[in-house]
């Protein structure tokens, strides 16, 4: 199982931008996969049943928008648990 963190995003997604900035600020390394630009990223997202951005994938676990955000705010506690930083 790979532990590479992948952020599935789109070019016009404010929550994607917010999440990417948060991860960068926290010093978290990740690969950004832009599904509306990269056909391979789009295919991978569909294979993972990701139908809305943002989504984070680590190994075989995927956090979806509903897991990552509470209303418009990042679910910091849930994200820290996912990243193994608790």
PDB file of N, CA and C in Angstrom:
ATOM      1  N   UNK A   1       0.850  -1.185   0.000  1.00  0.00           N
ATOM      2  CA  UNK A   1       0.000   0.000   0.000  1.00  0.00           C
ATOM      3  C   UNK A   1       0.890   1.240   0.000  1.00  0.00           C
ATOM      4  N   UNK A   2       0.569   2.137  -0.875  1.00  0.00           N
ATOM      5  CA  UNK A   2       1.339   3.372  -0.966  1.00  0.00           C
ATOM      6  C   UNK A   2       0.761   4.428  -0.028  1.00  0.00           C
ATOM      7  N   UNK A   3       1.621   5.268   0.503  1.00  0.00           N
ATOM      8  CA  UNK A   3       1.164   6.330   1.391  1.00  0.00           C
ATOM      9  C   UNK A   3       1.303   7.700   0.756  1.00  0.00           C
ATOM     10  N   UNK A   4       1.408   7.734  -0.572  1.00  0.00           N
ATOM     11  CA  UNK A   4       1.456   9.015  -1.269  1.00  0.00           C
ATOM     12  C   UNK A   4       0.093   9.678  -1.132  1.00  0.00           C
ATOM     13  N   UNK A   5       0.089  10.911  -0.706  1.00  0.00           N
ATOM     14  CA  UNK A   5      -1.146  11.662  -0.547  1.00  0.00           C
ATOM     15  C   UNK A   5      -1.481  12.332  -1.871  1.00  0.00           C
ATOM     16  N   UNK A   6      -2.699  12.113  -2.354  1.00  0.00           N
ATOM     17  CA  UNK A   6      -3.146  12.711  -3.603  1.00  0.00           C
ATOM     18  C   UNK A   6      -4.349  13.606  -3.335  1.00  0.00           C
ATOM     19  N   UNK A   7      -4.280  14.830  -3.835  1.00  0.00           N
ATOM     20  CA  UNK A   7      -5.389  15.775  -3.744  1.00  0.00           C
ATOM     21  C   UNK A   7      -6.047  15.838  -5.111  1.00  0.00           C
ATOM     22  N   UNK A   8      -7.284  15.356  -5.202  1.00  0.00           N
ATOM     23  CA  UNK A   8      -8.059  15.459  -6.431  1.00  0.00           C
ATOM     24  C   UNK A   8      -8.809  16.782  -6.386  1.00  0.00           C
ATOM     25  N   UNK A   9      -8.583  17.609  -7.404  1.00  0.00           N
ATOM     26  CA  UNK A   9      -9.151  18.955  -7.413  1.00  0.00           C
ATOM     27  C   UNK A   9      -9.614  19.319  -8.818  1.00  0.00           C
ATOM     28  N   UNK A  10     -10.220  20.503  -8.918  1.00  0.00           N
ATOM     29  CA  UNK A  10     -10.569  21.086 -10.214  1.00  0.00           C
ATOM     30  C   UNK A  10     -10.022  22.508 -10.248  1.00  0.00           C
ATOM     31  N   UNK A  11     -10.001  23.085 -11.427  1.00  0.00           N
ATOM     32  CA  UNK A  11      -9.430  24.425 -11.578  1.00  0.00           C
ATOM     33  C   UNK A  11     -10.303  25.516 -10.976  1.00  0.00           C
ATOM     34  N   UNK A  12     -11.588  25.287 -10.832  1.00  0.00           N
ATOM     35  CA  UNK A  12     -12.512  26.324 -10.350  1.00  0.00           C
ATOM     36  C   UNK A  12     -13.091  26.002  -8.976  1.00  0.00           C
ATOM     37  N   UNK A  13     -12.340  25.330  -8.139  1.00  0.00           N
ATOM     38  CA  UNK A  13     -12.852  24.842  -6.860  1.00  0.00           C
ATOM     39  C   UNK A  13     -12.228  25.606  -5.694  1.00  0.00           C
ATOM     40  N   UNK A  14     -12.988  26.504  -5.053  1.00  0.00           N
ATOM     41  CA  UNK A  14     -12.425  27.261  -3.930  1.00  0.00           C
ATOM     42  C   UNK A  14     -12.020  26.378  -2.745  1.00  0.00           C
ATOM     43  N   UNK A  15     -12.779  25.321  -2.472  1.00  0.00           N
ATOM     44  CA  UNK A  15     -12.414  24.425  -1.371  1.00  0.00           C
ATOM     45  C   UNK A  15     -11.126  23.674  -1.691  1.00  0.00           C
ATOM     46  N   UNK A  16     -10.907  23.361  -2.964  1.00  0.00           N
ATOM     47  CA  UNK A  16      -9.661  22.691  -3.372  1.00  0.00           C
ATOM     48  C   UNK A  16      -8.472  23.595  -3.086  1.00  0.00           C
ATOM     49  N   UNK A  17      -8.612  24.863  -3.440  1.00  0.00           N
ATOM     50  CA  UNK A  17      -7.549  25.836  -3.194  1.00  0.00           C
ATOM     51  C   UNK A  17      -7.291  25.969  -1.700  1.00  0.00           C
ATOM     52  N   UNK A  18      -8.363  26.089  -0.929  1.00  0.00           N
ATOM     53  CA  UNK A  18      -8.237  26.230   0.530  1.00  0.00           C
ATOM     54  C   UNK A  18      -7.542  25.012   1.140  1.00  0.00           C
ATOM     55  N   UNK A  19      -7.919  23.827   0.696  1.00  0.00           N
ATOM     56  CA  UNK A  19      -7.325  22.604   1.232  1.00  0.00           C
ATOM     57  C   UNK A  19      -5.854  22.488   0.836  1.00  0.00           C
ATOM     58  N   UNK A  20      -5.531  22.790  -0.413  1.00  0.00           N
ATOM     59  CA  UNK A  20      -4.140  22.752  -0.862  1.00  0.00           C
ATOM     60  C   UNK A  20      -3.265  23.713  -0.080  1.00  0.00           C
ATOM     61  N   UNK A  21      -3.777  24.927   0.156  1.00  0.00           N
ATOM     62  CA  UNK A  21      -3.024  25.915   0.934  1.00  0.00           C
ATOM     63  C   UNK A  21      -2.823  25.434   2.371  1.00  0.00           C
ATOM     64  N   UNK A  22      -3.838  24.817   2.942  1.00  0.00           N
ATOM     65  CA  UNK A  22      -3.739  24.299   4.309  1.00  0.00           C
ATOM     66  C   UNK A  22      -2.678  23.199   4.390  1.00  0.00           C
ATOM     67  N   UNK A  23      -2.714  22.267   3.451  1.00  0.00           N
ATOM     68  CA  UNK A  23      -1.738  21.178   3.445  1.00  0.00           C
ATOM     69  C   UNK A  23      -0.319  21.718   3.309  1.00  0.00           C
ATOM     70  N   UNK A  24      -0.138  22.682   2.422  1.00  0.00           N
ATOM     71  CA  UNK A  24       1.181  23.289   2.223  1.00  0.00           C
ATOM     72  C   UNK A  24       1.646  23.980   3.496  1.00  0.00           C
ATOM     73  N   UNK A  25       0.739  24.730   4.124  1.00  0.00           N
ATOM     74  CA  UNK A  25       1.065  25.439   5.367  1.00  0.00           C
ATOM     75  C   UNK A  25       1.481  24.463   6.467  1.00  0.00           C
ATOM     76  N   UNK A  26       0.862  23.287   6.478  1.00  0.00           N
ATOM     77  CA  UNK A  26       1.166  22.277   7.490  1.00  0.00           C
ATOM     78  C   UNK A  26       2.405  21.452   7.129  1.00  0.00           C
ATOM     79  N   UNK A  27       3.000  21.729   5.973  1.00  0.00           N
ATOM     80  CA  UNK A  27       4.197  21.006   5.560  1.00  0.00           C
ATOM     81  C   UNK A  27       3.927  19.602   5.045  1.00  0.00           C
ATOM     82  N   UNK A  28       2.703  19.368   4.600  1.00  0.00           N
ATOM     83  CA  UNK A  28       2.311  18.054   4.103  1.00  0.00           C
ATOM     84  C   UNK A  28       2.630  17.965   2.613  1.00  0.00           C
ATOM     85  N   UNK A  29       3.363  16.933   2.229  1.00  0.00           N
ATOM     86  CA  UNK A  29       3.660  16.722   0.814  1.00  0.00           C
ATOM     87  C   UNK A  29       2.508  15.964   0.173  1.00  0.00           C
ATOM     88  N   UNK A  30       2.105  16.410  -0.997  1.00  0.00           N
ATOM     89  CA  UNK A  30       1.011  15.759  -1.703  1.00  0.00           C
ATOM     90  C   UNK A  30       1.178  15.975  -3.203  1.00  0.00           C
ATOM     91  N   UNK A  31       0.487  15.148  -3.953  1.00  0.00           N
ATOM     92  CA  UNK A  31       0.434  15.279  -5.402  1.00  0.00           C
ATOM     93  C   UNK A  31      -0.935  15.829  -5.761  1.00  0.00           C
ATOM     94  N   UNK A  32      -0.959  16.904  -6.518  1.00  0.00           N
ATOM     95  CA  UNK A  32      -2.221  17.510  -6.942  1.00  0.00           C
ATOM     96  C   UNK A  32      -2.649  16.883  -8.264  1.00  0.00           C
ATOM     97  N   UNK A  33      -3.881  16.379  -8.316  1.00  0.00           N
ATOM     98  CA  UNK A  33      -4.440  15.755  -9.509  1.00  0.00           C
ATOM     99  C   UNK A  33      -5.632  16.599  -9.941  1.00  0.00           C
ATOM    100  N   UNK A  34      -5.500  17.325 -11.027  1.00  0.00           N
ATOM    101  CA  UNK A  34      -6.546  18.248 -11.487  1.00  0.00           C
ATOM    102  C   UNK A  34      -7.426  17.516 -12.497  1.00  0.00           C
ATOM    103  N   UNK A  35      -8.614  17.136 -12.063  1.00  0.00           N
ATOM    104  CA  UNK A  35      -9.440  16.225 -12.855  1.00  0.00           C
ATOM    105  C   UNK A  35     -10.098  16.867 -14.069  1.00  0.00           C
ATOM    106  N   UNK A  36     -10.220  18.190 -14.097  1.00  0.00           N
ATOM    107  CA  UNK A  36     -10.814  18.811 -15.283  1.00  0.00           C
ATOM    108  C   UNK A  36      -9.763  19.239 -16.307  1.00  0.00           C
ATOM    109  N   UNK A  37      -8.504  18.898 -16.064  1.00  0.00           N
ATOM    110  CA  UNK A  37      -7.412  19.206 -16.996  1.00  0.00           C
ATOM    111  C   UNK A  37      -6.702  17.925 -17.442  1.00  0.00           C
ATOM    112  N   UNK A  38      -6.546  16.990 -16.518  1.00  0.00           N
ATOM    113  CA  UNK A  38      -5.772  15.773 -16.757  1.00  0.00           C
ATOM    114  C   UNK A  38      -6.707  14.570 -16.907  1.00  0.00           C
ATOM    115  N   UNK A  39      -6.840  14.022 -18.127  1.00  0.00           N
ATOM    116  CA  UNK A  39      -7.743  12.886 -18.334  1.00  0.00           C
ATOM    117  C   UNK A  39      -7.404  11.668 -17.465  1.00  0.00           C
ATOM    118  N   UNK A  40      -6.118  11.439 -17.203  1.00  0.00           N
ATOM    119  CA  UNK A  40      -5.730  10.310 -16.354  1.00  0.00           C
ATOM    120  C   UNK A  40      -6.216  10.529 -14.918  1.00  0.00           C
ATOM    121  N   UNK A  41      -6.107  11.756 -14.428  1.00  0.00           N
ATOM    122  CA  UNK A  41      -6.603  12.077 -13.082  1.00  0.00           C
ATOM    123  C   UNK A  41      -8.118  11.904 -13.025  1.00  0.00           C
ATOM    124  N   UNK A  42      -8.800  12.315 -14.094  1.00  0.00           N
ATOM    125  CA  UNK A  42     -10.260  12.162 -14.146  1.00  0.00           C
ATOM    126  C   UNK A  42     -10.642  10.682 -14.104  1.00  0.00           C
ATOM    127  N   UNK A  43      -9.952   9.865 -14.882  1.00  0.00           N
ATOM    128  CA  UNK A  43     -10.221   8.427 -14.895  1.00  0.00           C
ATOM    129  C   UNK A  43      -9.964   7.815 -13.524  1.00  0.00           C
ATOM    130  N   UNK A  44      -8.843   8.170 -12.913  1.00  0.00           N
ATOM    131  CA  UNK A  44      -8.528   7.649 -11.577  1.00  0.00           C
ATOM    132  C   UNK A  44      -9.596   8.054 -10.569  1.00  0.00           C
ATOM    133  N   UNK A  45     -10.044   9.303 -10.642  1.00  0.00           N
ATOM    134  CA  UNK A  45     -11.087   9.778  -9.726  1.00  0.00           C
ATOM    135  C   UNK A  45     -12.377   8.981  -9.922  1.00  0.00           C
ATOM    136  N   UNK A  46     -12.761   8.760 -11.161  1.00  0.00           N
ATOM    137  CA  UNK A  46     -13.979   7.998 -11.434  1.00  0.00           C
ATOM    138  C   UNK A  46     -13.852   6.556 -10.946  1.00  0.00           C
ATOM    139  N   UNK A  47     -12.675   5.971 -11.103  1.00  0.00           N
ATOM    140  CA  UNK A  47     -12.452   4.595 -10.630  1.00  0.00           C
ATOM    141  C   UNK A  47     -12.557   4.507  -9.104  1.00  0.00           C
ATOM    142  N   UNK A  48     -12.270   5.611  -8.437  1.00  0.00           N
ATOM    143  CA  UNK A  48     -12.370   5.675  -6.976  1.00  0.00           C
ATOM    144  C   UNK A  48     -13.740   6.171  -6.518  1.00  0.00           C
ATOM    145  N   UNK A  49     -14.643   6.371  -7.478  1.00  0.00           N
ATOM    146  CA  UNK A  49     -15.988   6.886  -7.204  1.00  0.00           C
ATOM    147  C   UNK A  49     -15.950   8.284  -6.589  1.00  0.00           C
ATOM    148  N   UNK A  50     -14.960   9.074  -6.990  1.00  0.00           N
ATOM    149  CA  UNK A  50     -14.878  10.471  -6.576  1.00  0.00           C
ATOM    150  C   UNK A  50     -15.682  11.273  -7.592  1.00  0.00           C
ATOM    151  N   UNK A  51     -16.792  11.849  -7.133  1.00  0.00           N
ATOM    152  CA  UNK A  51     -17.655  12.593  -8.049  1.00  0.00           C
ATOM    153  C   UNK A  51     -17.687  14.083  -7.732  1.00  0.00           C
ATOM    154  N   UNK A  52     -16.991  14.479  -6.683  1.00  0.00           N
ATOM    155  CA  UNK A  52     -16.926  15.897  -6.318  1.00  0.00           C
ATOM    156  C   UNK A  52     -15.548  16.192  -5.742  1.00  0.00           C
ATOM    157  N   UNK A  53     -15.080  17.381  -6.005  1.00  0.00           N
ATOM    158  CA  UNK A  53     -13.773  17.816  -5.493  1.00  0.00           C
ATOM    159  C   UNK A  53     -13.994  18.814  -4.364  1.00  0.00           C
ATOM    160  N   UNK A  54     -13.062  18.861  -3.432  1.00  0.00           N
ATOM    161  CA  UNK A  54     -11.826  18.102  -3.340  1.00  0.00           C
ATOM    162  C   UNK A  54     -12.034  16.731  -2.712  1.00  0.00           C
ATOM    163  N   UNK A  55     -11.055  15.875  -2.953  1.00  0.00           N
ATOM    164  CA  UNK A  55     -10.971  14.577  -2.292  1.00  0.00           C
ATOM    165  C   UNK A  55      -9.492  14.297  -2.050  1.00  0.00           C
ATOM    166  N   UNK A  56      -9.208  13.618  -0.963  1.00  0.00           N
ATOM    167  CA  UNK A  56      -7.833  13.225  -0.632  1.00  0.00           C
ATOM    168  C   UNK A  56      -7.754  11.712  -0.597  1.00  0.00           C
ATOM    169  N   UNK A  57      -6.702  11.173  -1.192  1.00  0.00           N
ATOM    170  CA  UNK A  57      -6.474   9.730  -1.193  1.00  0.00           C
ATOM    171  C   UNK A  57      -5.105   9.443  -0.598  1.00  0.00           C
ATOM    172  N   UNK A  58      -5.084   8.503   0.334  1.00  0.00           N
ATOM    173  CA  UNK A  58      -3.825   8.009   0.904  1.00  0.00           C
ATOM    174  C   UNK A  58      -3.955   6.501   0.988  1.00  0.00           C
ATOM    175  N   UNK A  59      -3.112   5.795   0.228  1.00  0.00           N
ATOM    176  CA  UNK A  59      -3.260   4.348   0.162  1.00  0.00           C
ATOM    177  C   UNK A  59      -4.593   4.007  -0.466  1.00  0.00           C
ATOM    178  N   UNK A  60      -5.369   3.197   0.218  1.00  0.00           N
ATOM    179  CA  UNK A  60      -6.682   2.817  -0.310  1.00  0.00           C
ATOM    180  C   UNK A  60      -7.822   3.613   0.326  1.00  0.00           C
ATOM    181  N   UNK A  61      -7.486   4.599   1.137  1.00  0.00           N
ATOM    182  CA  UNK A  61      -8.500   5.386   1.846  1.00  0.00           C
ATOM    183  C   UNK A  61      -8.711   6.722   1.145  1.00  0.00           C
ATOM    184  N   UNK A  62      -9.982   7.071   0.950  1.00  0.00           N
ATOM    185  CA  UNK A  62     -10.335   8.337   0.306  1.00  0.00           C
ATOM    186  C   UNK A  62     -11.214   9.146   1.250  1.00  0.00           C
ATOM    187  N   UNK A  63     -10.818  10.398   1.476  1.00  0.00           N
ATOM    188  CA  UNK A  63     -11.676  11.349   2.189  1.00  0.00           C
ATOM    189  C   UNK A  63     -12.340  12.224   1.143  1.00  0.00           C
ATOM    190  N   UNK A  64     -13.634  12.358   1.254  1.00  0.00           N
ATOM    191  CA  UNK A  64     -14.401  13.154   0.299  1.00  0.00           C
ATOM    192  C   UNK A  64     -14.711  14.523   0.898  1.00  0.00           C
ATOM    193  N   UNK A  65     -15.274  15.384   0.090  1.00  0.00           N
ATOM    194  CA  UNK A  65     -15.559  16.755   0.522  1.00  0.00           C
ATOM    195  C   UNK A  65     -16.313  16.776   1.849  1.00  0.00           C
ATOM    196  N   UNK A  66     -17.306  15.904   1.992  1.00  0.00           N
ATOM    197  CA  UNK A  66     -18.106  15.884   3.230  1.00  0.00           C
ATOM    198  C   UNK A  66     -17.270  15.508   4.452  1.00  0.00           C
ATOM    199  N   UNK A  67     -16.174  14.787   4.236  1.00  0.00           N
ATOM    200  CA  UNK A  67     -15.274  14.420   5.333  1.00  0.00           C
ATOM    201  C   UNK A  67     -14.258  15.518   5.621  1.00  0.00           C
ATOM    202  N   UNK A  68     -13.902  16.266   4.583  1.00  0.00           N
ATOM    203  CA  UNK A  68     -12.835  17.266   4.676  1.00  0.00           C
ATOM    204  C   UNK A  68     -13.307  18.619   5.184  1.00  0.00           C
ATOM    205  N   UNK A  69     -14.602  18.906   4.998  1.00  0.00           N
ATOM    206  CA  UNK A  69     -15.128  20.226   5.346  1.00  0.00           C
ATOM    207  C   UNK A  69     -16.380  20.114   6.194  1.00  0.00           C
ATOM    208  N   UNK A  70     -16.517  21.050   7.122  1.00  0.00           N
ATOM    209  CA  UNK A  70     -17.750  21.262   7.865  1.00  0.00           C
ATOM    210  C   UNK A  70     -18.221  22.638   7.433  1.00  0.00           C
ATOM    211  N   UNK A  71     -19.285  22.648   6.654  1.00  0.00           N
ATOM    212  CA  UNK A  71     -19.732  23.864   5.967  1.00  0.00           C
ATOM    213  C   UNK A  71     -18.581  24.366   5.106  1.00  0.00           C
ATOM    214  N   UNK A  72     -18.055  25.525   5.357  1.00  0.00           N
ATOM    215  CA  UNK A  72     -16.964  26.063   4.526  1.00  0.00           C
ATOM    216  C   UNK A  72     -15.597  25.950   5.198  1.00  0.00           C
ATOM    217  N   UNK A  73     -15.559  25.347   6.386  1.00  0.00           N
ATOM    218  CA  UNK A  73     -14.308  25.259   7.142  1.00  0.00           C
ATOM    219  C   UNK A  73     -13.697  23.863   7.036  1.00  0.00           C
ATOM    220  N   UNK A  74     -12.383  23.817   6.975  1.00  0.00           N
ATOM    221  CA  UNK A  74     -11.679  22.537   6.940  1.00  0.00           C
ATOM    222  C   UNK A  74     -11.902  21.802   8.258  1.00  0.00           C
ATOM    223  N   UNK A  75     -12.208  20.531   8.169  1.00  0.00           N
ATOM    224  CA  UNK A  75     -12.358  19.668   9.339  1.00  0.00           C
ATOM    225  C   UNK A  75     -10.946  19.288   9.807  1.00  0.00           C
ATOM    226  N   UNK A  76     -10.328  20.182  10.556  1.00  0.00           N
ATOM    227  CA  UNK A  76      -8.926  20.006  10.943  1.00  0.00           C
ATOM    228  C   UNK A  76      -8.711  18.728  11.752  1.00  0.00           C
ATOM    229  N   UNK A  77      -9.597  18.441  12.681  1.00  0.00           N
ATOM    230  CA  UNK A  77      -9.441  17.240  13.510  1.00  0.00           C
ATOM    231  C   UNK A  77      -9.469  15.979  12.649  1.00  0.00           C
ATOM    232  N   UNK A  78     -10.458  15.872  11.790  1.00  0.00           N
ATOM    233  CA  UNK A  78     -10.566  14.703  10.919  1.00  0.00           C
ATOM    234  C   UNK A  78      -9.395  14.582   9.968  1.00  0.00           C
ATOM    235  N   UNK A  79      -8.940  15.708   9.446  1.00  0.00           N
ATOM    236  CA  UNK A  79      -7.812  15.707   8.519  1.00  0.00           C
ATOM    237  C   UNK A  79      -6.524  15.300   9.234  1.00  0.00           C
ATOM    238  N   UNK A  80      -6.322  15.809  10.446  1.00  0.00           N
ATOM    239  CA  UNK A  80      -5.126  15.450  11.213  1.00  0.00           C
ATOM    240  C   UNK A  80      -5.120  13.953  11.541  1.00  0.00           C
ATOM    241  N   UNK A  81      -6.284  13.397  11.861  1.00  0.00           N
ATOM    242  CA  UNK A  81      -6.383  11.956  12.121  1.00  0.00           C
ATOM    243  C   UNK A  81      -6.033  11.171  10.861  1.00  0.00           C
ATOM    244  N   UNK A  82      -6.567  11.594   9.729  1.00  0.00           N
ATOM    245  CA  UNK A  82      -6.298  10.940   8.446  1.00  0.00           C
ATOM    246  C   UNK A  82      -4.811  10.960   8.123  1.00  0.00           C
ATOM    247  N   UNK A  83      -4.163  12.066   8.439  1.00  0.00           N
ATOM    248  CA  UNK A  83      -2.738  12.219   8.156  1.00  0.00           C
ATOM    249  C   UNK A  83      -1.858  11.539   9.205  1.00  0.00           C
ATOM    250  N   UNK A  84      -2.479  11.031  10.280  1.00  0.00           N
ATOM    251  CA  UNK A  84      -1.717  10.363  11.331  1.00  0.00           C
ATOM    252  C   UNK A  84      -0.969  11.326  12.224  1.00  0.00           C
ATOM    253  N   UNK A  85      -1.538  12.508  12.428  1.00  0.00           N
ATOM    254  CA  UNK A  85      -0.867  13.543  13.229  1.00  0.00           C
ATOM    255  C   UNK A  85      -1.579  13.810  14.547  1.00  0.00           C
ATOM    256  N   UNK A  86      -2.306  12.856  15.061  1.00  0.00           N
ATOM    257  CA  UNK A  86      -3.001  13.085  16.331  1.00  0.00           C
ATOM    258  C   UNK A  86      -2.249  12.480  17.482  1.00  0.00           C
TER     259      UNK A  86
END
